[in-house]
Amino acid sequence: MKKLTLLIVLLITATSCVSTKSTLKNVDDNAPDLVLSKNNTFIIKEYSKDKKYGYNPDYPINIFYRNTKDETLNEVRFLNALAGPNGEKITYTRLETCCPFPTKRSDMGAGFLNVYELKWEGQKKPITLYLNIYEKGILMVPMGLSVKKE
């Protein structure tokens, strides 16, 4: 009986890890390709008006990269293009990988979000951003941040 219970628990756990339907709300396969500056950071011209953009796992910052073997490349290009709300220099740390979702752009059939913590001088509390390298979307500056001056 214990073996049967253990088997049922394992099956439920294994099938509940990745949903068959994505919860991501801001995927846009028609989004323009990302453009690099001379400093090898992304040129970002739009500011998000949605307070969930980047701050909520269902509204990650989609920085699609054609080859996920070097997944941090576009994350660094995006994060290095940002500054604090008044142009402050930011520092960032990758905290974790989370939030599996189905995608056709992964050999596994699933993608994950990378979670980063951002800090700058004078900040009261660090912020957390969710980044997605598997899907495309309109690249914007999340609310409360700005574009780094070159």
N, C-alpha and C. Protein backbone atom coordinates (compact mmCIF):
# COMPACT_ATOMS: atom_id res chain seq x y z
N MET A 1 0.82 -1.19 0.00
CA MET A 1 0.00 0.00 0.00
C MET A 1 0.87 1.26 0.00
N LYS A 2 1.95 1.25 0.80
CA LYS A 2 2.84 2.41 0.85
C LYS A 2 3.48 2.68 -0.51
N LYS A 3 3.85 1.61 -1.23
CA LYS A 3 4.46 1.77 -2.54
C LYS A 3 3.48 2.39 -3.53
N LEU A 4 2.21 1.97 -3.45
CA LEU A 4 1.20 2.52 -4.34
C LEU A 4 0.97 4.00 -4.04
N THR A 5 0.93 4.36 -2.78
CA THR A 5 0.76 5.76 -2.39
C THR A 5 1.94 6.59 -2.86
N LEU A 6 3.12 6.09 -2.68
CA LEU A 6 4.32 6.79 -3.12
C LEU A 6 4.31 6.97 -4.65
N LEU A 7 3.91 5.95 -5.38
CA LEU A 7 3.83 6.03 -6.84
C LEU A 7 2.82 7.10 -7.27
N ILE A 8 1.69 7.15 -6.62
CA ILE A 8 0.66 8.16 -6.96
C ILE A 8 1.18 9.56 -6.68
N VAL A 9 1.84 9.75 -5.54
CA VAL A 9 2.40 11.06 -5.20
C VAL A 9 3.45 11.47 -6.23
N LEU A 10 4.32 10.55 -6.63
CA LEU A 10 5.35 10.86 -7.62
C LEU A 10 4.73 11.22 -8.97
N LEU A 11 3.71 10.51 -9.39
CA LEU A 11 3.04 10.81 -10.66
C LEU A 11 2.38 12.19 -10.63
N ILE A 12 1.72 12.51 -9.55
CA ILE A 12 1.08 13.82 -9.43
C ILE A 12 2.13 14.92 -9.45
N THR A 13 3.21 14.73 -8.73
CA THR A 13 4.29 15.72 -8.69
C THR A 13 4.90 15.90 -10.07
N ALA A 14 5.19 14.83 -10.75
CA ALA A 14 5.84 14.91 -12.07
C ALA A 14 4.94 15.59 -13.10
N THR A 15 3.66 15.33 -13.06
CA THR A 15 2.77 15.92 -14.06
C THR A 15 2.37 17.34 -13.71
N SER A 16 2.55 17.76 -12.48
CA SER A 16 2.15 19.12 -12.10
C SER A 16 3.26 20.15 -12.29
N CYS A 17 4.47 19.72 -12.64
CA CYS A 17 5.59 20.65 -12.77
C CYS A 17 5.41 21.63 -13.92
N VAL A 18 4.97 21.16 -15.07
CA VAL A 18 4.81 22.03 -16.22
C VAL A 18 3.38 21.93 -16.71
N SER A 19 2.70 23.04 -16.69
CA SER A 19 1.34 23.10 -17.20
C SER A 19 1.38 22.95 -18.72
N THR A 20 0.30 22.47 -19.30
CA THR A 20 0.24 22.33 -20.75
C THR A 20 -0.15 23.65 -21.41
N LYS A 21 -0.61 24.60 -20.63
CA LYS A 21 -0.99 25.91 -21.16
C LYS A 21 -0.14 26.98 -20.49
N SER A 22 0.43 27.83 -21.30
CA SER A 22 1.29 28.88 -20.77
C SER A 22 0.46 29.95 -20.07
N THR A 23 0.99 30.46 -18.97
CA THR A 23 0.32 31.55 -18.24
C THR A 23 0.92 32.91 -18.62
N LEU A 24 1.93 32.92 -19.48
CA LEU A 24 2.57 34.17 -19.87
C LEU A 24 1.59 35.02 -20.68
N LYS A 25 1.45 36.29 -20.29
CA LYS A 25 0.45 37.17 -20.89
C LYS A 25 1.01 38.11 -21.95
N ASN A 26 2.30 38.30 -22.02
CA ASN A 26 2.86 39.34 -22.89
C ASN A 26 3.80 38.81 -23.97
N VAL A 27 3.58 37.60 -24.44
CA VAL A 27 4.38 37.04 -25.53
C VAL A 27 3.89 37.64 -26.84
N ASP A 28 4.81 38.07 -27.69
CA ASP A 28 4.46 38.65 -28.98
C ASP A 28 5.50 38.21 -30.01
N ASP A 29 5.15 37.16 -30.79
CA ASP A 29 6.08 36.65 -31.80
C ASP A 29 6.34 37.66 -32.91
N ASN A 30 5.51 38.68 -33.03
CA ASN A 30 5.69 39.71 -34.06
C ASN A 30 6.49 40.92 -33.54
N ALA A 31 6.98 40.83 -32.33
CA ALA A 31 7.77 41.93 -31.76
C ALA A 31 9.02 42.15 -32.62
N PRO A 32 9.44 43.41 -32.73
CA PRO A 32 10.65 43.67 -33.53
C PRO A 32 11.88 43.01 -32.91
N ASP A 33 12.85 42.72 -33.75
CA ASP A 33 14.11 42.16 -33.25
C ASP A 33 14.79 43.17 -32.33
N LEU A 34 15.55 42.65 -31.39
CA LEU A 34 16.25 43.50 -30.44
C LEU A 34 17.44 44.16 -31.12
N VAL A 35 17.70 45.42 -30.78
CA VAL A 35 18.77 46.19 -31.41
C VAL A 35 19.83 46.51 -30.36
N LEU A 36 21.09 46.33 -30.75
CA LEU A 36 22.21 46.58 -29.83
C LEU A 36 22.80 47.97 -30.03
N SER A 37 23.26 48.56 -28.93
CA SER A 37 23.96 49.84 -28.97
C SER A 37 25.45 49.57 -29.18
N LYS A 38 26.24 50.63 -29.25
CA LYS A 38 27.70 50.48 -29.39
C LYS A 38 28.31 49.83 -28.15
N ASN A 39 27.61 49.96 -27.01
CA ASN A 39 28.12 49.39 -25.74
C ASN A 39 27.68 47.95 -25.53
N ASN A 40 27.10 47.32 -26.56
CA ASN A 40 26.61 45.95 -26.48
C ASN A 40 25.48 45.79 -25.46
N THR A 41 24.66 46.82 -25.31
CA THR A 41 23.44 46.73 -24.51
C THR A 41 22.27 46.96 -25.46
N PHE A 42 21.08 46.60 -25.03
CA PHE A 42 19.92 46.80 -25.88
C PHE A 42 19.52 48.27 -25.92
N ILE A 43 19.06 48.70 -27.07
CA ILE A 43 18.47 50.03 -27.20
C ILE A 43 16.99 49.87 -26.85
N ILE A 44 16.58 50.51 -25.78
CA ILE A 44 15.20 50.40 -25.31
C ILE A 44 14.58 51.79 -25.40
N LYS A 45 13.51 51.90 -26.17
CA LYS A 45 12.88 53.21 -26.39
C LYS A 45 11.54 53.35 -25.70
N GLU A 46 10.94 52.24 -25.28
CA GLU A 46 9.62 52.30 -24.68
C GLU A 46 9.69 52.07 -23.17
N TYR A 47 8.79 52.74 -22.47
CA TYR A 47 8.64 52.55 -21.02
C TYR A 47 7.29 51.88 -20.78
N SER A 48 7.30 50.85 -19.96
CA SER A 48 6.06 50.14 -19.67
C SER A 48 5.14 51.01 -18.80
N LYS A 49 3.86 50.93 -19.08
CA LYS A 49 2.85 51.60 -18.26
C LYS A 49 2.14 50.58 -17.37
N ASP A 50 2.54 49.31 -17.49
CA ASP A 50 1.94 48.23 -16.72
C ASP A 50 2.85 47.89 -15.54
N LYS A 51 2.35 48.06 -14.33
CA LYS A 51 3.19 47.81 -13.15
C LYS A 51 3.52 46.33 -12.96
N LYS A 52 2.87 45.44 -13.70
CA LYS A 52 3.19 44.01 -13.62
C LYS A 52 4.37 43.64 -14.53
N TYR A 53 4.63 44.46 -15.56
CA TYR A 53 5.66 44.13 -16.54
C TYR A 53 7.03 43.97 -15.87
N GLY A 54 7.53 42.74 -15.93
CA GLY A 54 8.83 42.41 -15.36
C GLY A 54 8.79 42.05 -13.89
N TYR A 55 7.77 42.53 -13.18
CA TYR A 55 7.68 42.30 -11.74
C TYR A 55 6.81 41.09 -11.38
N ASN A 56 6.09 40.55 -12.34
CA ASN A 56 5.16 39.46 -12.11
C ASN A 56 5.56 38.30 -13.04
N PRO A 57 5.61 37.06 -12.55
CA PRO A 57 6.04 35.96 -13.41
C PRO A 57 5.13 35.72 -14.62
N ASP A 58 3.90 36.19 -14.60
CA ASP A 58 3.02 36.05 -15.76
C ASP A 58 3.27 37.15 -16.80
N TYR A 59 4.05 38.18 -16.44
CA TYR A 59 4.38 39.30 -17.33
C TYR A 59 5.89 39.52 -17.35
N PRO A 60 6.67 38.48 -17.70
CA PRO A 60 8.13 38.64 -17.67
C PRO A 60 8.63 39.52 -18.81
N ILE A 61 9.87 39.91 -18.71
CA ILE A 61 10.53 40.65 -19.77
C ILE A 61 11.06 39.60 -20.75
N ASN A 62 10.48 39.58 -21.94
CA ASN A 62 10.81 38.56 -22.94
C ASN A 62 11.98 39.04 -23.80
N ILE A 63 13.13 38.42 -23.58
CA ILE A 63 14.34 38.80 -24.30
C ILE A 63 14.86 37.61 -25.10
N PHE A 64 14.00 37.12 -25.96
CA PHE A 64 14.27 35.94 -26.77
C PHE A 64 15.70 35.92 -27.30
N TYR A 65 16.32 34.76 -27.14
CA TYR A 65 17.65 34.53 -27.70
C TYR A 65 17.61 33.24 -28.50
N ARG A 66 18.08 33.25 -29.71
CA ARG A 66 17.94 32.10 -30.60
C ARG A 66 18.65 30.84 -30.10
N ASN A 67 19.66 30.99 -29.28
CA ASN A 67 20.40 29.84 -28.80
C ASN A 67 20.49 29.93 -27.28
N THR A 68 19.72 29.11 -26.59
CA THR A 68 19.66 29.19 -25.13
C THR A 68 20.90 28.61 -24.45
N LYS A 69 21.87 28.15 -25.22
CA LYS A 69 23.09 27.62 -24.60
C LYS A 69 23.90 28.74 -23.93
N ASP A 70 23.70 29.98 -24.35
CA ASP A 70 24.35 31.12 -23.71
C ASP A 70 23.25 32.06 -23.23
N GLU A 71 22.46 31.55 -22.32
CA GLU A 71 21.24 32.24 -21.91
C GLU A 71 21.46 33.59 -21.25
N THR A 72 22.58 33.79 -20.62
CA THR A 72 22.76 35.05 -19.89
C THR A 72 23.12 36.22 -20.80
N LEU A 73 23.49 35.95 -22.05
CA LEU A 73 23.92 37.02 -22.95
C LEU A 73 22.87 38.13 -23.08
N ASN A 74 21.64 37.79 -23.42
CA ASN A 74 20.61 38.81 -23.57
C ASN A 74 20.16 39.38 -22.23
N GLU A 75 20.24 38.59 -21.19
CA GLU A 75 19.90 39.11 -19.87
C GLU A 75 20.86 40.24 -19.48
N VAL A 76 22.14 40.01 -19.69
CA VAL A 76 23.16 41.03 -19.39
C VAL A 76 22.98 42.25 -20.29
N ARG A 77 22.69 42.03 -21.56
CA ARG A 77 22.47 43.15 -22.49
C ARG A 77 21.29 44.01 -22.04
N PHE A 78 20.25 43.37 -21.53
CA PHE A 78 19.08 44.11 -21.05
C PHE A 78 19.38 44.82 -19.74
N LEU A 79 19.88 44.08 -18.76
CA LEU A 79 20.12 44.67 -17.44
C LEU A 79 21.15 45.79 -17.48
N ASN A 80 22.17 45.67 -18.33
CA ASN A 80 23.19 46.72 -18.43
C ASN A 80 22.68 47.97 -19.14
N ALA A 81 21.50 47.89 -19.76
CA ALA A 81 20.90 49.06 -20.40
C ALA A 81 20.05 49.86 -19.42
N LEU A 82 19.83 49.33 -18.22
CA LEU A 82 18.95 49.98 -17.25
C LEU A 82 19.71 50.81 -16.23
N ALA A 83 18.96 51.73 -15.62
CA ALA A 83 19.47 52.55 -14.51
C ALA A 83 18.34 52.70 -13.50
N GLY A 84 18.68 53.20 -12.33
CA GLY A 84 17.66 53.48 -11.32
C GLY A 84 16.72 54.57 -11.80
N PRO A 85 15.72 54.92 -11.01
CA PRO A 85 14.71 55.89 -11.45
C PRO A 85 15.28 57.27 -11.79
N ASN A 86 16.38 57.64 -11.17
CA ASN A 86 17.00 58.94 -11.44
C ASN A 86 18.35 58.79 -12.12
N GLY A 87 18.54 57.69 -12.84
CA GLY A 87 19.78 57.45 -13.55
C GLY A 87 20.87 56.79 -12.72
N GLU A 88 20.53 56.32 -11.52
CA GLU A 88 21.53 55.68 -10.66
C GLU A 88 22.07 54.40 -11.31
N LYS A 89 23.34 54.13 -11.04
CA LYS A 89 23.95 52.89 -11.52
C LYS A 89 23.34 51.73 -10.74
N ILE A 90 22.91 50.68 -11.46
CA ILE A 90 22.33 49.53 -10.78
C ILE A 90 23.34 48.38 -10.72
N THR A 91 23.14 47.54 -9.73
CA THR A 91 23.83 46.26 -9.67
C THR A 91 22.74 45.20 -9.64
N TYR A 92 23.07 44.03 -10.14
CA TYR A 92 22.06 42.97 -10.17
C TYR A 92 22.69 41.63 -9.83
N THR A 93 21.84 40.77 -9.30
CA THR A 93 22.25 39.43 -8.90
C THR A 93 21.16 38.46 -9.34
N ARG A 94 21.56 37.37 -9.95
CA ARG A 94 20.58 36.34 -10.31
C ARG A 94 20.25 35.56 -9.05
N LEU A 95 18.97 35.51 -8.70
CA LEU A 95 18.53 34.84 -7.49
C LEU A 95 18.20 33.38 -7.71
N GLU A 96 17.42 33.11 -8.78
CA GLU A 96 16.95 31.74 -8.98
C GLU A 96 16.37 31.59 -10.39
N THR A 97 16.06 30.35 -10.71
CA THR A 97 15.30 30.01 -11.91
C THR A 97 13.99 29.43 -11.41
N CYS A 98 12.89 29.86 -12.02
CA CYS A 98 11.60 29.41 -11.51
C CYS A 98 10.57 29.31 -12.62
N CYS A 99 9.38 29.01 -12.20
CA CYS A 99 8.16 29.22 -12.97
C CYS A 99 8.15 28.52 -14.34
N PRO A 100 8.21 27.19 -14.39
CA PRO A 100 8.23 26.49 -15.67
C PRO A 100 6.97 26.77 -16.49
N PHE A 101 7.15 26.82 -17.81
CA PHE A 101 6.02 27.01 -18.72
C PHE A 101 6.31 26.28 -20.02
N PRO A 102 5.30 25.87 -20.77
CA PRO A 102 5.54 25.16 -22.02
C PRO A 102 6.02 26.11 -23.12
N THR A 103 6.96 25.65 -23.93
CA THR A 103 7.44 26.44 -25.06
C THR A 103 7.97 25.51 -26.14
N LYS A 104 7.83 25.92 -27.38
CA LYS A 104 8.36 25.15 -28.51
C LYS A 104 9.82 25.51 -28.76
N ARG A 105 10.34 26.51 -28.06
CA ARG A 105 11.70 26.99 -28.29
C ARG A 105 12.73 26.36 -27.36
N SER A 106 12.40 25.23 -26.80
CA SER A 106 13.32 24.54 -25.90
C SER A 106 13.32 23.06 -26.26
N ASP A 107 14.48 22.43 -26.19
CA ASP A 107 14.56 20.99 -26.46
C ASP A 107 13.73 20.19 -25.47
N MET A 108 13.57 20.72 -24.26
CA MET A 108 12.80 20.03 -23.23
C MET A 108 11.30 20.23 -23.39
N GLY A 109 10.91 21.22 -24.18
CA GLY A 109 9.48 21.54 -24.30
C GLY A 109 9.00 22.45 -23.19
N ALA A 110 9.92 22.88 -22.34
CA ALA A 110 9.58 23.77 -21.24
C ALA A 110 10.63 24.86 -21.12
N GLY A 111 10.18 26.02 -20.70
CA GLY A 111 11.09 27.12 -20.44
C GLY A 111 11.00 27.52 -18.98
N PHE A 112 11.94 28.32 -18.54
CA PHE A 112 11.97 28.79 -17.16
C PHE A 112 12.29 30.28 -17.15
N LEU A 113 11.85 30.95 -16.12
CA LEU A 113 12.17 32.36 -15.95
C LEU A 113 13.38 32.48 -15.04
N ASN A 114 14.21 33.46 -15.30
CA ASN A 114 15.33 33.77 -14.41
C ASN A 114 14.97 35.00 -13.61
N VAL A 115 15.19 34.92 -12.32
CA VAL A 115 14.80 35.98 -11.40
C VAL A 115 16.04 36.75 -10.96
N TYR A 116 15.99 38.08 -11.13
CA TYR A 116 17.11 38.94 -10.77
C TYR A 116 16.68 39.96 -9.73
N GLU A 117 17.61 40.26 -8.83
CA GLU A 117 17.41 41.32 -7.84
C GLU A 117 18.25 42.52 -8.29
N LEU A 118 17.63 43.71 -8.31
CA LEU A 118 18.32 44.93 -8.72
C LEU A 118 18.42 45.88 -7.53
N LYS A 119 19.60 46.50 -7.40
CA LYS A 119 19.85 47.46 -6.32
C LYS A 119 20.55 48.69 -6.88
N TRP A 120 20.37 49.82 -6.20
CA TRP A 120 21.10 51.04 -6.52
C TRP A 120 21.19 51.88 -5.25
N GLU A 121 22.12 52.81 -5.25
CA GLU A 121 22.36 53.64 -4.09
C GLU A 121 21.12 54.48 -3.77
N GLY A 122 20.76 54.53 -2.47
CA GLY A 122 19.62 55.31 -2.02
C GLY A 122 18.30 54.57 -2.09
N GLN A 123 18.33 53.36 -2.58
CA GLN A 123 17.11 52.56 -2.71
C GLN A 123 16.67 52.03 -1.36
N LYS A 124 15.36 52.05 -1.09
CA LYS A 124 14.85 51.54 0.19
C LYS A 124 14.80 50.01 0.21
N LYS A 125 14.35 49.43 -0.88
CA LYS A 125 14.18 47.98 -0.94
C LYS A 125 14.53 47.50 -2.35
N PRO A 126 15.35 46.43 -2.48
CA PRO A 126 15.71 45.92 -3.81
C PRO A 126 14.45 45.50 -4.59
N ILE A 127 14.55 45.54 -5.91
CA ILE A 127 13.43 45.08 -6.73
C ILE A 127 13.79 43.74 -7.37
N THR A 128 12.77 42.99 -7.74
CA THR A 128 12.94 41.69 -8.36
C THR A 128 12.31 41.72 -9.74
N LEU A 129 13.07 41.28 -10.75
CA LEU A 129 12.56 41.22 -12.12
C LEU A 129 12.60 39.78 -12.63
N TYR A 130 11.60 39.43 -13.44
CA TYR A 130 11.51 38.12 -14.08
C TYR A 130 11.88 38.27 -15.55
N LEU A 131 12.88 37.49 -16.00
CA LEU A 131 13.34 37.55 -17.39
C LEU A 131 13.12 36.21 -18.08
N ASN A 132 12.71 36.28 -19.34
CA ASN A 132 12.39 35.09 -20.12
C ASN A 132 13.19 35.10 -21.42
N ILE A 133 14.07 34.12 -21.59
CA ILE A 133 14.89 34.06 -22.80
C ILE A 133 14.25 33.24 -23.90
N TYR A 134 13.12 32.61 -23.63
CA TYR A 134 12.52 31.68 -24.59
C TYR A 134 11.51 32.32 -25.54
N GLU A 135 10.91 33.42 -25.14
CA GLU A 135 9.85 34.02 -25.96
C GLU A 135 10.20 35.45 -26.34
N LYS A 136 9.50 35.95 -27.36
CA LYS A 136 9.68 37.33 -27.81
C LYS A 136 8.60 38.22 -27.21
N GLY A 137 8.89 39.48 -27.14
CA GLY A 137 7.93 40.47 -26.69
C GLY A 137 8.50 41.85 -26.95
N ILE A 138 7.67 42.86 -26.77
CA ILE A 138 8.14 44.24 -26.92
C ILE A 138 9.04 44.53 -25.73
N LEU A 139 10.27 44.95 -25.99
CA LEU A 139 11.22 45.24 -24.93
C LEU A 139 10.98 46.65 -24.39
N MET A 140 10.72 46.74 -23.09
CA MET A 140 10.43 48.03 -22.46
C MET A 140 11.19 48.15 -21.14
N VAL A 141 11.27 49.37 -20.66
CA VAL A 141 11.84 49.64 -19.35
C VAL A 141 10.71 49.43 -18.33
N PRO A 142 10.93 48.58 -17.32
CA PRO A 142 9.90 48.39 -16.30
C PRO A 142 9.66 49.69 -15.50
N MET A 143 8.46 49.83 -14.98
CA MET A 143 8.12 51.01 -14.17
C MET A 143 9.10 51.14 -13.01
N GLY A 144 9.49 52.36 -12.70
CA GLY A 144 10.40 52.60 -11.59
C GLY A 144 11.86 52.57 -11.98
N LEU A 145 12.15 52.29 -13.25
CA LEU A 145 13.54 52.26 -13.74
C LEU A 145 13.67 53.24 -14.89
N SER A 146 14.89 53.44 -15.35
CA SER A 146 15.14 54.29 -16.51
C SER A 146 16.19 53.65 -17.39
N VAL A 147 16.47 54.30 -18.52
CA VAL A 147 17.51 53.83 -19.44
C VAL A 147 18.83 54.47 -19.03
N LYS A 148 19.87 53.67 -18.99
CA LYS A 148 21.20 54.17 -18.66
C LYS A 148 21.65 55.16 -19.75
N LYS A 149 22.20 56.27 -19.32
CA LYS A 149 22.73 57.25 -20.27
C LYS A 149 24.07 56.76 -20.79
N GLU A 150 24.28 56.89 -22.09
CA GLU A 150 25.56 56.42 -22.67
C GLU A 150 26.62 57.47 -22.61
